[in-house]
Amino acid sequence: MNFYSMIQLETTQTVPLRMEEGGAIRVGNTGVTLDVVIARFKDGDTAEDIQQSFPTLRLKDVYAALAYYLAHQEEVESYLRERDAEAAELRRFWENHPKSSTLRARLRALKEQQAK
């Protein structure tokens, strides 16, 4: 019997990424975004570090997401820039919203109360 004939190579694999209606890409069946996984990877975290920080993630899904990023870096970086721009726009909107100063004051008061 030939040892190598026992191995069945999978030539395609499903990437455990899913895009939600709002445009966020989630990893596996979790709420963890690709943005977060890639940011942690860029900060020097290993796949194991990332998985330990987000126990709902499966290690194989973290590795698959990182492999996808490395194979499609230009497209993923474009997606990340778009997400950053959307987040900045949303921050500007809420910072200038009339009710935001009232909300910030209430949140500060709650934080101070909890600190006591």
PDB file of N, CA and C in Angstrom:
ATOM      1  N   MET A   1       0.847  -1.182   0.000  1.00  0.00           N
ATOM      2  CA  MET A   1       0.000   0.000   0.000  1.00  0.00           C
ATOM      3  C   MET A   1       0.891   1.244   0.000  1.00  0.00           C
ATOM      4  N   ASN A   2       0.583   2.174  -0.833  1.00  0.00           N
ATOM      5  CA  ASN A   2       1.327   3.422  -0.935  1.00  0.00           C
ATOM      6  C   ASN A   2       0.824   4.377   0.150  1.00  0.00           C
ATOM      7  N   PHE A   3       1.726   4.839   0.992  1.00  0.00           N
ATOM      8  CA  PHE A   3       1.378   5.735   2.096  1.00  0.00           C
ATOM      9  C   PHE A   3       0.674   6.992   1.587  1.00  0.00           C
ATOM     10  N   TYR A   4       1.170   7.526   0.508  1.00  0.00           N
ATOM     11  CA  TYR A   4       0.639   8.798   0.004  1.00  0.00           C
ATOM     12  C   TYR A   4      -0.767   8.670  -0.568  1.00  0.00           C
ATOM     13  N   SER A   5      -1.172   7.479  -0.963  1.00  0.00           N
ATOM     14  CA  SER A   5      -2.520   7.319  -1.512  1.00  0.00           C
ATOM     15  C   SER A   5      -3.588   7.406  -0.426  1.00  0.00           C
ATOM     16  N   MET A   6      -3.194   7.379   0.847  1.00  0.00           N
ATOM     17  CA  MET A   6      -4.149   7.462   1.950  1.00  0.00           C
ATOM     18  C   MET A   6      -4.554   8.912   2.241  1.00  0.00           C
ATOM     19  N   ILE A   7      -3.793   9.873   1.745  1.00  0.00           N
ATOM     20  CA  ILE A   7      -4.073  11.283   2.014  1.00  0.00           C
ATOM     21  C   ILE A   7      -4.931  11.854   0.897  1.00  0.00           C
ATOM     22  N   GLN A   8      -6.058  12.418   1.280  1.00  0.00           N
ATOM     23  CA  GLN A   8      -6.928  13.089   0.317  1.00  0.00           C
ATOM     24  C   GLN A   8      -6.745  14.595   0.498  1.00  0.00           C
ATOM     25  N   LEU A   9      -6.140  15.242  -0.482  1.00  0.00           N
ATOM     26  CA  LEU A   9      -5.921  16.679  -0.389  1.00  0.00           C
ATOM     27  C   LEU A   9      -7.167  17.438  -0.803  1.00  0.00           C
ATOM     28  N   GLU A  10      -7.530  18.353   0.035  1.00  0.00           N
ATOM     29  CA  GLU A  10      -8.653  19.230  -0.276  1.00  0.00           C
ATOM     30  C   GLU A  10      -8.079  20.407  -1.058  1.00  0.00           C
ATOM     31  N   THR A  11      -8.508  20.608  -2.267  1.00  0.00           N
ATOM     32  CA  THR A  11      -7.924  21.671  -3.083  1.00  0.00           C
ATOM     33  C   THR A  11      -8.624  23.008  -2.896  1.00  0.00           C
ATOM     34  N   THR A  12      -9.803  22.993  -2.317  1.00  0.00           N
ATOM     35  CA  THR A  12     -10.490  24.241  -1.990  1.00  0.00           C
ATOM     36  C   THR A  12     -11.029  24.127  -0.575  1.00  0.00           C
ATOM     37  N   GLN A  13     -11.040  25.243   0.089  1.00  0.00           N
ATOM     38  CA  GLN A  13     -11.590  25.295   1.436  1.00  0.00           C
ATOM     39  C   GLN A  13     -12.488  26.515   1.542  1.00  0.00           C
ATOM     40  N   THR A  14     -13.517  26.390   2.322  1.00  0.00           N
ATOM     41  CA  THR A  14     -14.411  27.511   2.562  1.00  0.00           C
ATOM     42  C   THR A  14     -13.762  28.441   3.570  1.00  0.00           C
ATOM     43  N   VAL A  15     -13.751  29.722   3.232  1.00  0.00           N
ATOM     44  CA  VAL A  15     -13.188  30.718   4.144  1.00  0.00           C
ATOM     45  C   VAL A  15     -14.262  31.058   5.169  1.00  0.00           C
ATOM     46  N   PRO A  16     -13.941  30.993   6.461  1.00  0.00           N
ATOM     47  CA  PRO A  16     -14.947  31.231   7.496  1.00  0.00           C
ATOM     48  C   PRO A  16     -15.203  32.718   7.738  1.00  0.00           C
ATOM     49  N   LEU A  17     -15.558  33.432   6.676  1.00  0.00           N
ATOM     50  CA  LEU A  17     -15.860  34.857   6.780  1.00  0.00           C
ATOM     51  C   LEU A  17     -17.256  35.076   6.232  1.00  0.00           C
ATOM     52  N   ARG A  18     -17.992  35.980   6.870  1.00  0.00           N
ATOM     53  CA  ARG A  18     -19.329  36.300   6.375  1.00  0.00           C
ATOM     54  C   ARG A  18     -19.547  37.803   6.499  1.00  0.00           C
ATOM     55  N   MET A  19     -20.129  38.362   5.453  1.00  0.00           N
ATOM     56  CA  MET A  19     -20.403  39.799   5.462  1.00  0.00           C
ATOM     57  C   MET A  19     -21.834  40.031   5.908  1.00  0.00           C
ATOM     58  N   GLU A  20     -21.982  40.960   6.842  1.00  0.00           N
ATOM     59  CA  GLU A  20     -23.303  41.318   7.337  1.00  0.00           C
ATOM     60  C   GLU A  20     -23.886  42.452   6.510  1.00  0.00           C
ATOM     61  N   GLU A  21     -25.159  42.717   6.711  1.00  0.00           N
ATOM     62  CA  GLU A  21     -25.850  43.769   5.966  1.00  0.00           C
ATOM     63  C   GLU A  21     -25.149  45.114   6.048  1.00  0.00           C
ATOM     64  N   GLY A  22     -24.659  45.462   7.208  1.00  0.00           N
ATOM     65  CA  GLY A  22     -24.006  46.759   7.396  1.00  0.00           C
ATOM     66  C   GLY A  22     -22.609  46.834   6.814  1.00  0.00           C
ATOM     67  N   GLY A  23     -22.099  45.714   6.306  1.00  0.00           N
ATOM     68  CA  GLY A  23     -20.783  45.721   5.674  1.00  0.00           C
ATOM     69  C   GLY A  23     -19.676  45.141   6.522  1.00  0.00           C
ATOM     70  N   ALA A  24     -19.962  44.812   7.783  1.00  0.00           N
ATOM     71  CA  ALA A  24     -18.937  44.227   8.645  1.00  0.00           C
ATOM     72  C   ALA A  24     -18.696  42.775   8.257  1.00  0.00           C
ATOM     73  N   ILE A  25     -17.436  42.391   8.238  1.00  0.00           N
ATOM     74  CA  ILE A  25     -17.083  40.999   7.961  1.00  0.00           C
ATOM     75  C   ILE A  25     -16.796  40.334   9.304  1.00  0.00           C
ATOM     76  N   ARG A  26     -17.526  39.260   9.579  1.00  0.00           N
ATOM     77  CA  ARG A  26     -17.367  38.501  10.825  1.00  0.00           C
ATOM     78  C   ARG A  26     -16.617  37.215  10.550  1.00  0.00           C
ATOM     79  N   VAL A  27     -15.898  36.742  11.570  1.00  0.00           N
ATOM     80  CA  VAL A  27     -15.108  35.511  11.451  1.00  0.00           C
ATOM     81  C   VAL A  27     -15.901  34.357  12.053  1.00  0.00           C
ATOM     82  N   GLY A  28     -16.061  33.295  11.267  1.00  0.00           N
ATOM     83  CA  GLY A  28     -16.792  32.119  11.730  1.00  0.00           C
ATOM     84  C   GLY A  28     -18.223  32.476  12.074  1.00  0.00           C
ATOM     85  N   ASN A  29     -18.765  31.779  13.035  1.00  0.00           N
ATOM     86  CA  ASN A  29     -20.133  32.043  13.499  1.00  0.00           C
ATOM     87  C   ASN A  29     -20.114  32.892  14.751  1.00  0.00           C
ATOM     88  N   THR A  30     -19.221  33.879  14.780  1.00  0.00           N
ATOM     89  CA  THR A  30     -19.061  34.724  15.961  1.00  0.00           C
ATOM     90  C   THR A  30     -19.382  36.169  15.613  1.00  0.00           C
ATOM     91  N   GLY A  31     -19.346  36.996  16.619  1.00  0.00           N
ATOM     92  CA  GLY A  31     -19.520  38.428  16.416  1.00  0.00           C
ATOM     93  C   GLY A  31     -18.194  39.137  16.226  1.00  0.00           C
ATOM     94  N   VAL A  32     -17.107  38.413  16.237  1.00  0.00           N
ATOM     95  CA  VAL A  32     -15.775  39.006  16.116  1.00  0.00           C
ATOM     96  C   VAL A  32     -15.547  39.422  14.664  1.00  0.00           C
ATOM     97  N   THR A  33     -15.152  40.681  14.469  1.00  0.00           N
ATOM     98  CA  THR A  33     -14.959  41.176  13.112  1.00  0.00           C
ATOM     99  C   THR A  33     -13.557  40.865  12.602  1.00  0.00           C
ATOM    100  N   LEU A  34     -13.477  40.808  11.287  1.00  0.00           N
ATOM    101  CA  LEU A  34     -12.178  40.634  10.641  1.00  0.00           C
ATOM    102  C   LEU A  34     -11.267  41.795  11.006  1.00  0.00           C
ATOM    103  N   ASP A  35     -11.835  42.978  11.155  1.00  0.00           N
ATOM    104  CA  ASP A  35     -11.065  44.170  11.525  1.00  0.00           C
ATOM    105  C   ASP A  35     -10.263  43.920  12.804  1.00  0.00           C
ATOM    106  N   VAL A  36     -10.940  43.356  13.800  1.00  0.00           N
ATOM    107  CA  VAL A  36     -10.311  43.115  15.098  1.00  0.00           C
ATOM    108  C   VAL A  36      -9.208  42.061  14.986  1.00  0.00           C
ATOM    109  N   VAL A  37      -9.482  40.991  14.265  1.00  0.00           N
ATOM    110  CA  VAL A  37      -8.499  39.913  14.109  1.00  0.00           C
ATOM    111  C   VAL A  37      -7.250  40.444  13.415  1.00  0.00           C
ATOM    112  N   ILE A  38      -7.438  41.218  12.342  1.00  0.00           N
ATOM    113  CA  ILE A  38      -6.293  41.747  11.596  1.00  0.00           C
ATOM    114  C   ILE A  38      -5.538  42.772  12.435  1.00  0.00           C
ATOM    115  N   ALA A  39      -6.242  43.610  13.166  1.00  0.00           N
ATOM    116  CA  ALA A  39      -5.574  44.596  14.026  1.00  0.00           C
ATOM    117  C   ALA A  39      -4.695  43.905  15.063  1.00  0.00           C
ATOM    118  N   ARG A  40      -5.216  42.864  15.676  1.00  0.00           N
ATOM    119  CA  ARG A  40      -4.439  42.123  16.670  1.00  0.00           C
ATOM    120  C   ARG A  40      -3.222  41.462  16.027  1.00  0.00           C
ATOM    121  N   PHE A  41      -3.406  40.908  14.818  1.00  0.00           N
ATOM    122  CA  PHE A  41      -2.307  40.281  14.078  1.00  0.00           C
ATOM    123  C   PHE A  41      -1.226  41.309  13.768  1.00  0.00           C
ATOM    124  N   LYS A  42      -1.633  42.498  13.340  1.00  0.00           N
ATOM    125  CA  LYS A  42      -0.679  43.574  13.033  1.00  0.00           C
ATOM    126  C   LYS A  42       0.051  44.047  14.285  1.00  0.00           C
ATOM    127  N   ASP A  43      -0.604  43.920  15.429  1.00  0.00           N
ATOM    128  CA  ASP A  43       0.025  44.289  16.708  1.00  0.00           C
ATOM    129  C   ASP A  43       0.994  43.225  17.207  1.00  0.00           C
ATOM    130  N   GLY A  44       1.089  42.118  16.477  1.00  0.00           N
ATOM    131  CA  GLY A  44       2.051  41.079  16.839  1.00  0.00           C
ATOM    132  C   GLY A  44       1.465  39.865  17.523  1.00  0.00           C
ATOM    133  N   ASP A  45       0.155  39.824  17.692  1.00  0.00           N
ATOM    134  CA  ASP A  45      -0.471  38.659  18.324  1.00  0.00           C
ATOM    135  C   ASP A  45      -0.436  37.463  17.382  1.00  0.00           C
ATOM    136  N   THR A  46      -0.272  36.296  17.938  1.00  0.00           N
ATOM    137  CA  THR A  46      -0.344  35.060  17.164  1.00  0.00           C
ATOM    138  C   THR A  46      -1.802  34.649  17.035  1.00  0.00           C
ATOM    139  N   ALA A  47      -2.051  33.682  16.186  1.00  0.00           N
ATOM    140  CA  ALA A  47      -3.412  33.150  16.049  1.00  0.00           C
ATOM    141  C   ALA A  47      -3.895  32.615  17.394  1.00  0.00           C
ATOM    142  N   GLU A  48      -2.999  31.980  18.126  1.00  0.00           N
ATOM    143  CA  GLU A  48      -3.365  31.444  19.449  1.00  0.00           C
ATOM    144  C   GLU A  48      -3.728  32.568  20.414  1.00  0.00           C
ATOM    145  N   ASP A  49      -2.965  33.664  20.393  1.00  0.00           N
ATOM    146  CA  ASP A  49      -3.277  34.812  21.259  1.00  0.00           C
ATOM    147  C   ASP A  49      -4.667  35.356  20.946  1.00  0.00           C
ATOM    148  N   ILE A  50      -4.948  35.498  19.656  1.00  0.00           N
ATOM    149  CA  ILE A  50      -6.236  36.040  19.224  1.00  0.00           C
ATOM    150  C   ILE A  50      -7.370  35.116  19.670  1.00  0.00           C
ATOM    151  N   GLN A  51      -7.196  33.831  19.442  1.00  0.00           N
ATOM    152  CA  GLN A  51      -8.239  32.871  19.821  1.00  0.00           C
ATOM    153  C   GLN A  51      -8.467  32.880  21.328  1.00  0.00           C
ATOM    154  N   GLN A  52      -7.412  32.987  22.111  1.00  0.00           N
ATOM    155  CA  GLN A  52      -7.567  33.011  23.570  1.00  0.00           C
ATOM    156  C   GLN A  52      -8.302  34.266  24.037  1.00  0.00           C
ATOM    157  N   SER A  53      -8.131  35.369  23.316  1.00  0.00           N
ATOM    158  CA  SER A  53      -8.831  36.606  23.673  1.00  0.00           C
ATOM    159  C   SER A  53     -10.310  36.561  23.301  1.00  0.00           C
ATOM    160  N   PHE A  54     -10.626  35.733  22.315  1.00  0.00           N
ATOM    161  CA  PHE A  54     -12.000  35.612  21.839  1.00  0.00           C
ATOM    162  C   PHE A  54     -12.360  34.130  21.794  1.00  0.00           C
ATOM    163  N   PRO A  55     -12.710  33.546  22.930  1.00  0.00           N
ATOM    164  CA  PRO A  55     -12.949  32.099  23.015  1.00  0.00           C
ATOM    165  C   PRO A  55     -14.042  31.571  22.092  1.00  0.00           C
ATOM    166  N   THR A  56     -14.910  32.444  21.588  1.00  0.00           N
ATOM    167  CA  THR A  56     -15.931  31.958  20.656  1.00  0.00           C
ATOM    168  C   THR A  56     -15.324  31.619  19.294  1.00  0.00           C
ATOM    169  N   LEU A  57     -14.146  32.162  19.023  1.00  0.00           N
ATOM    170  CA  LEU A  57     -13.460  31.852  17.766  1.00  0.00           C
ATOM    171  C   LEU A  57     -12.804  30.483  17.839  1.00  0.00           C
ATOM    172  N   ARG A  58     -12.857  29.768  16.737  1.00  0.00           N
ATOM    173  CA  ARG A  58     -12.113  28.519  16.652  1.00  0.00           C
ATOM    174  C   ARG A  58     -10.734  28.843  16.085  1.00  0.00           C
ATOM    175  N   LEU A  59      -9.719  28.175  16.591  1.00  0.00           N
ATOM    176  CA  LEU A  59      -8.357  28.454  16.160  1.00  0.00           C
ATOM    177  C   LEU A  59      -8.208  28.291  14.654  1.00  0.00           C
ATOM    178  N   LYS A  60      -8.835  27.265  14.097  1.00  0.00           N
ATOM    179  CA  LYS A  60      -8.712  27.049  12.655  1.00  0.00           C
ATOM    180  C   LYS A  60      -9.348  28.194  11.871  1.00  0.00           C
ATOM    181  N   ASP A  61     -10.380  28.832  12.421  1.00  0.00           N
ATOM    182  CA  ASP A  61     -10.998  29.974  11.748  1.00  0.00           C
ATOM    183  C   ASP A  61     -10.096  31.206  11.799  1.00  0.00           C
ATOM    184  N   VAL A  62      -9.394  31.372  12.914  1.00  0.00           N
ATOM    185  CA  VAL A  62      -8.436  32.485  13.015  1.00  0.00           C
ATOM    186  C   VAL A  62      -7.332  32.306  11.977  1.00  0.00           C
ATOM    187  N   TYR A  63      -6.772  31.103  11.910  1.00  0.00           N
ATOM    188  CA  TYR A  63      -5.733  30.831  10.916  1.00  0.00           C
ATOM    189  C   TYR A  63      -6.257  31.046   9.497  1.00  0.00           C
ATOM    190  N   ALA A  64      -7.470  30.600   9.217  1.00  0.00           N
ATOM    191  CA  ALA A  64      -8.044  30.758   7.881  1.00  0.00           C
ATOM    192  C   ALA A  64      -8.253  32.232   7.548  1.00  0.00           C
ATOM    193  N   ALA A  65      -8.719  33.017   8.525  1.00  0.00           N
ATOM    194  CA  ALA A  65      -8.922  34.450   8.308  1.00  0.00           C
ATOM    195  C   ALA A  65      -7.586  35.144   8.040  1.00  0.00           C
ATOM    196  N   LEU A  66      -6.555  34.761   8.793  1.00  0.00           N
ATOM    197  CA  LEU A  66      -5.232  35.342   8.582  1.00  0.00           C
ATOM    198  C   LEU A  66      -4.661  34.926   7.235  1.00  0.00           C
ATOM    199  N   ALA A  67      -4.865  33.677   6.841  1.00  0.00           N
ATOM    200  CA  ALA A  67      -4.403  33.212   5.532  1.00  0.00           C
ATOM    201  C   ALA A  67      -5.114  33.981   4.423  1.00  0.00           C
ATOM    202  N   TYR A  68      -6.410  34.208   4.594  1.00  0.00           N
ATOM    203  CA  TYR A  68      -7.169  34.979   3.607  1.00  0.00           C
ATOM    204  C   TYR A  68      -6.604  36.389   3.520  1.00  0.00           C
ATOM    205  N   TYR A  69      -6.354  36.994   4.660  1.00  0.00           N
ATOM    206  CA  TYR A  69      -5.787  38.351   4.686  1.00  0.00           C
ATOM    207  C   TYR A  69      -4.452  38.389   3.946  1.00  0.00           C
ATOM    208  N   LEU A  70      -3.576  37.449   4.234  1.00  0.00           N
ATOM    209  CA  LEU A  70      -2.261  37.441   3.600  1.00  0.00           C
ATOM    210  C   LEU A  70      -2.347  37.203   2.092  1.00  0.00           C
ATOM    211  N   ALA A  71      -3.324  36.417   1.660  1.00  0.00           N
ATOM    212  CA  ALA A  71      -3.490  36.134   0.237  1.00  0.00           C
ATOM    213  C   ALA A  71      -4.216  37.265  -0.502  1.00  0.00           C
ATOM    214  N   HIS A  72      -4.972  38.075   0.227  1.00  0.00           N
ATOM    215  CA  HIS A  72      -5.775  39.148  -0.381  1.00  0.00           C
ATOM    216  C   HIS A  72      -5.530  40.471   0.341  1.00  0.00           C
ATOM    217  N   GLN A  73      -4.287  40.727   0.658  1.00  0.00           N
ATOM    218  CA  GLN A  73      -3.939  41.854   1.522  1.00  0.00           C
ATOM    219  C   GLN A  73      -4.417  43.195   0.956  1.00  0.00           C
ATOM    220  N   GLU A  74      -4.259  43.411  -0.328  1.00  0.00           N
ATOM    221  CA  GLU A  74      -4.653  44.689  -0.920  1.00  0.00           C
ATOM    222  C   GLU A  74      -6.155  44.930  -0.762  1.00  0.00           C
ATOM    223  N   GLU A  75      -6.956  43.913  -1.056  1.00  0.00           N
ATOM    224  CA  GLU A  75      -8.405  44.052  -0.947  1.00  0.00           C
ATOM    225  C   GLU A  75      -8.850  44.231   0.504  1.00  0.00           C
ATOM    226  N   VAL A  76      -8.242  43.474   1.403  1.00  0.00           N
ATOM    227  CA  VAL A  76      -8.615  43.572   2.818  1.00  0.00           C
ATOM    228  C   VAL A  76      -8.194  44.935   3.373  1.00  0.00           C
ATOM    229  N   GLU A  77      -7.022  45.421   2.987  1.00  0.00           N
ATOM    230  CA  GLU A  77      -6.582  46.747   3.453  1.00  0.00           C
ATOM    231  C   GLU A  77      -7.528  47.832   2.947  1.00  0.00           C
ATOM    232  N   SER A  78      -8.032  47.690   1.724  1.00  0.00           N
ATOM    233  CA  SER A  78      -9.000  48.636   1.185  1.00  0.00           C
ATOM    234  C   SER A  78     -10.285  48.597   2.016  1.00  0.00           C
ATOM    235  N   TYR A  79     -10.749  47.393   2.341  1.00  0.00           N
ATOM    236  CA  TYR A  79     -11.928  47.220   3.196  1.00  0.00           C
ATOM    237  C   TYR A  79     -11.696  47.882   4.560  1.00  0.00           C
ATOM    238  N   LEU A  80     -10.517  47.669   5.138  1.00  0.00           N
ATOM    239  CA  LEU A  80     -10.217  48.243   6.453  1.00  0.00           C
ATOM    240  C   LEU A  80     -10.183  49.769   6.402  1.00  0.00           C
ATOM    241  N   ARG A  81      -9.635  50.337   5.324  1.00  0.00           N
ATOM    242  CA  ARG A  81      -9.628  51.802   5.175  1.00  0.00           C
ATOM    243  C   ARG A  81     -11.053  52.345   5.073  1.00  0.00           C
ATOM    244  N   GLU A  82     -11.904  51.646   4.322  1.00  0.00           N
ATOM    245  CA  GLU A  82     -13.306  52.061   4.204  1.00  0.00           C
ATOM    246  C   GLU A  82     -13.995  52.019   5.561  1.00  0.00           C
ATOM    247  N   ARG A  83     -13.741  50.962   6.317  1.00  0.00           N
ATOM    248  CA  ARG A  83     -14.359  50.833   7.650  1.00  0.00           C
ATOM    249  C   ARG A  83     -13.869  51.942   8.582  1.00  0.00           C
ATOM    250  N   ASP A  84     -12.575  52.260   8.508  1.00  0.00           N
ATOM    251  CA  ASP A  84     -12.028  53.345   9.334  1.00  0.00           C
ATOM    252  C   ASP A  84     -12.674  54.683   8.965  1.00  0.00           C
ATOM    253  N   ALA A  85     -12.844  54.923   7.668  1.00  0.00           N
ATOM    254  CA  ALA A  85     -13.467  56.170   7.214  1.00  0.00           C
ATOM    255  C   ALA A  85     -14.918  56.250   7.688  1.00  0.00           C
ATOM    256  N   GLU A  86     -15.652  55.137   7.605  1.00  0.00           N
ATOM    257  CA  GLU A  86     -17.036  55.112   8.083  1.00  0.00           C
ATOM    258  C   GLU A  86     -17.101  55.378   9.586  1.00  0.00           C
ATOM    259  N   ALA A  87     -16.180  54.781  10.332  1.00  0.00           N
ATOM    260  CA  ALA A  87     -16.154  54.982  11.785  1.00  0.00           C
ATOM    261  C   ALA A  87     -15.840  56.432  12.130  1.00  0.00           C
ATOM    262  N   ALA A  88     -14.905  57.035  11.399  1.00  0.00           N
ATOM    263  CA  ALA A  88     -14.550  58.437  11.643  1.00  0.00           C
ATOM    264  C   ALA A  88     -15.742  59.348  11.344  1.00  0.00           C
ATOM    265  N   GLU A  89     -16.451  59.058  10.268  1.00  0.00           N
ATOM    266  CA  GLU A  89     -17.631  59.846   9.902  1.00  0.00           C
ATOM    267  C   GLU A  89     -18.710  59.723  10.977  1.00  0.00           C
ATOM    268  N   LEU A  90     -18.921  58.523  11.469  1.00  0.00           N
ATOM    269  CA  LEU A  90     -19.914  58.296  12.517  1.00  0.00           C
ATOM    270  C   LEU A  90     -19.529  59.022  13.809  1.00  0.00           C
ATOM    271  N   ARG A  91     -18.218  58.970  14.148  1.00  0.00           N
ATOM    272  CA  ARG A  91     -17.745  59.695  15.345  1.00  0.00           C
ATOM    273  C   ARG A  91     -18.012  61.195  15.208  1.00  0.00           C
ATOM    274  N   ARG A  92     -17.675  61.746  14.031  1.00  0.00           N
ATOM    275  CA  ARG A  92     -17.902  63.184  13.803  1.00  0.00           C
ATOM    276  C   ARG A  92     -19.380  63.529  13.935  1.00  0.00           C
ATOM    277  N   PHE A  93     -20.243  62.679  13.378  1.00  0.00           N
ATOM    278  CA  PHE A  93     -21.677  62.918  13.469  1.00  0.00           C
ATOM    279  C   PHE A  93     -22.117  62.989  14.927  1.00  0.00           C
ATOM    280  N   TRP A  94     -21.720  61.993  15.720  1.00  0.00           N
ATOM    281  CA  TRP A  94     -22.181  61.948  17.108  1.00  0.00           C
ATOM    282  C   TRP A  94     -21.511  62.997  17.982  1.00  0.00           C
ATOM    283  N   GLU A  95     -20.291  63.364  17.656  1.00  0.00           N
ATOM    284  CA  GLU A  95     -19.630  64.426  18.424  1.00  0.00           C
ATOM    285  C   GLU A  95     -20.337  65.762  18.225  1.00  0.00           C
ATOM    286  N   ASN A  96     -20.916  65.969  17.051  1.00  0.00           N
ATOM    287  CA  ASN A  96     -21.595  67.227  16.735  1.00  0.00           C
ATOM    288  C   ASN A  96     -23.101  67.160  16.949  1.00  0.00           C
ATOM    289  N   HIS A  97     -23.593  66.012  17.323  1.00  0.00           N
ATOM    290  CA  HIS A  97     -25.028  65.856  17.551  1.00  0.00           C
ATOM    291  C   HIS A  97     -25.416  66.625  18.818  1.00  0.00           C
ATOM    292  N   PRO A  98     -26.553  67.349  18.775  1.00  0.00           N
ATOM    293  CA  PRO A  98     -26.961  68.165  19.940  1.00  0.00           C
ATOM    294  C   PRO A  98     -27.105  67.380  21.238  1.00  0.00           C
ATOM    295  N   LYS A  99     -27.527  66.135  21.155  1.00  0.00           N
ATOM    296  CA  LYS A  99     -27.749  65.356  22.374  1.00  0.00           C
ATOM    297  C   LYS A  99     -26.482  64.689  22.892  1.00  0.00           C
ATOM    298  N   SER A 100     -25.402  64.740  22.126  1.00  0.00           N
ATOM    299  CA  SER A 100     -24.199  64.008  22.541  1.00  0.00           C
ATOM    300  C   SER A 100     -23.552  64.595  23.783  1.00  0.00           C
ATOM    301  N   SER A 101     -23.575  65.933  23.943  1.00  0.00           N
ATOM    302  CA  SER A 101     -22.955  66.511  25.140  1.00  0.00           C
ATOM    303  C   SER A 101     -23.732  66.122  26.390  1.00  0.00           C
ATOM    304  N   THR A 102     -25.057  66.048  26.289  1.00  0.00           N
ATOM    305  CA  THR A 102     -25.888  65.609  27.411  1.00  0.00           C
ATOM    306  C   THR A 102     -25.595  64.150  27.741  1.00  0.00           C
ATOM    307  N   LEU A 103     -25.493  63.335  26.726  1.00  0.00           N
ATOM    308  CA  LEU A 103     -25.207  61.915  26.930  1.00  0.00           C
ATOM    309  C   LEU A 103     -23.824  61.729  27.556  1.00  0.00           C
ATOM    310  N   ARG A 104     -22.820  62.463  27.051  1.00  0.00           N
ATOM    311  CA  ARG A 104     -21.472  62.357  27.633  1.00  0.00           C
ATOM    312  C   ARG A 104     -21.471  62.763  29.099  1.00  0.00           C
ATOM    313  N   ALA A 105     -22.197  63.803  29.434  1.00  0.00           N
ATOM    314  CA  ALA A 105     -22.275  64.244  30.831  1.00  0.00           C
ATOM    315  C   ALA A 105     -22.917  63.163  31.694  1.00  0.00           C
ATOM    316  N   ARG A 106     -23.965  62.534  31.206  1.00  0.00           N
ATOM    317  CA  ARG A 106     -24.623  61.456  31.959  1.00  0.00           C
ATOM    318  C   ARG A 106     -23.683  60.265  32.135  1.00  0.00           C
ATOM    319  N   LEU A 107     -22.954  59.926  31.084  1.00  0.00           N
ATOM    320  CA  LEU A 107     -22.012  58.806  31.177  1.00  0.00           C
ATOM    321  C   LEU A 107     -20.888  59.107  32.156  1.00  0.00           C
ATOM    322  N   ARG A 108     -20.372  60.343  32.137  1.00  0.00           N
ATOM    323  CA  ARG A 108     -19.338  60.734  33.108  1.00  0.00           C
ATOM    324  C   ARG A 108     -19.853  60.613  34.534  1.00  0.00           C
ATOM    325  N   ALA A 109     -21.073  61.081  34.754  1.00  0.00           N
ATOM    326  CA  ALA A 109     -21.684  61.041  36.088  1.00  0.00           C
ATOM    327  C   ALA A 109     -21.836  59.582  36.537  1.00  0.00           C
ATOM    328  N   LEU A 110     -22.276  58.711  35.649  1.00  0.00           N
ATOM    329  CA  LEU A 110     -22.406  57.285  35.986  1.00  0.00           C
ATOM    330  C   LEU A 110     -21.046  56.671  36.309  1.00  0.00           C
ATOM    331  N   LYS A 111     -20.054  57.031  35.541  1.00  0.00           N
ATOM    332  CA  LYS A 111     -18.715  56.496  35.765  1.00  0.00           C
ATOM    333  C   LYS A 111     -18.174  56.950  37.123  1.00  0.00           C
ATOM    334  N   GLU A 112     -18.373  58.214  37.440  1.00  0.00           N
ATOM    335  CA  GLU A 112     -17.923  58.735  38.727  1.00  0.00           C
ATOM    336  C   GLU A 112     -18.673  58.060  39.872  1.00  0.00           C
ATOM    337  N   GLN A 113     -19.973  57.847  39.688  1.00  0.00           N
ATOM    338  CA  GLN A 113     -20.775  57.194  40.716  1.00  0.00           C
ATOM    339  C   GLN A 113     -20.304  55.763  40.943  1.00  0.00           C
ATOM    340  N   GLN A 114     -19.976  55.054  39.892  1.00  0.00           N
ATOM    341  CA  GLN A 114     -19.504  53.661  40.012  1.00  0.00           C
ATOM    342  C   GLN A 114     -18.122  53.605  40.649  1.00  0.00           C
ATOM    343  N   ALA A 115     -17.319  54.633  40.460  1.00  0.00           N
ATOM    344  CA  ALA A 115     -15.965  54.665  41.017  1.00  0.00           C
ATOM    345  C   ALA A 115     -15.985  54.851  42.535  1.00  0.00           C
ATOM    346  N   LYS A 116     -17.089  55.371  43.065  1.00  0.00           N
ATOM    347  CA  LYS A 116     -17.189  55.629  44.506  1.00  0.00           C
ATOM    348  C   LYS A 116     -17.412  54.384  45.292  1.00  0.00           C
TER     349      LYS A 116
END
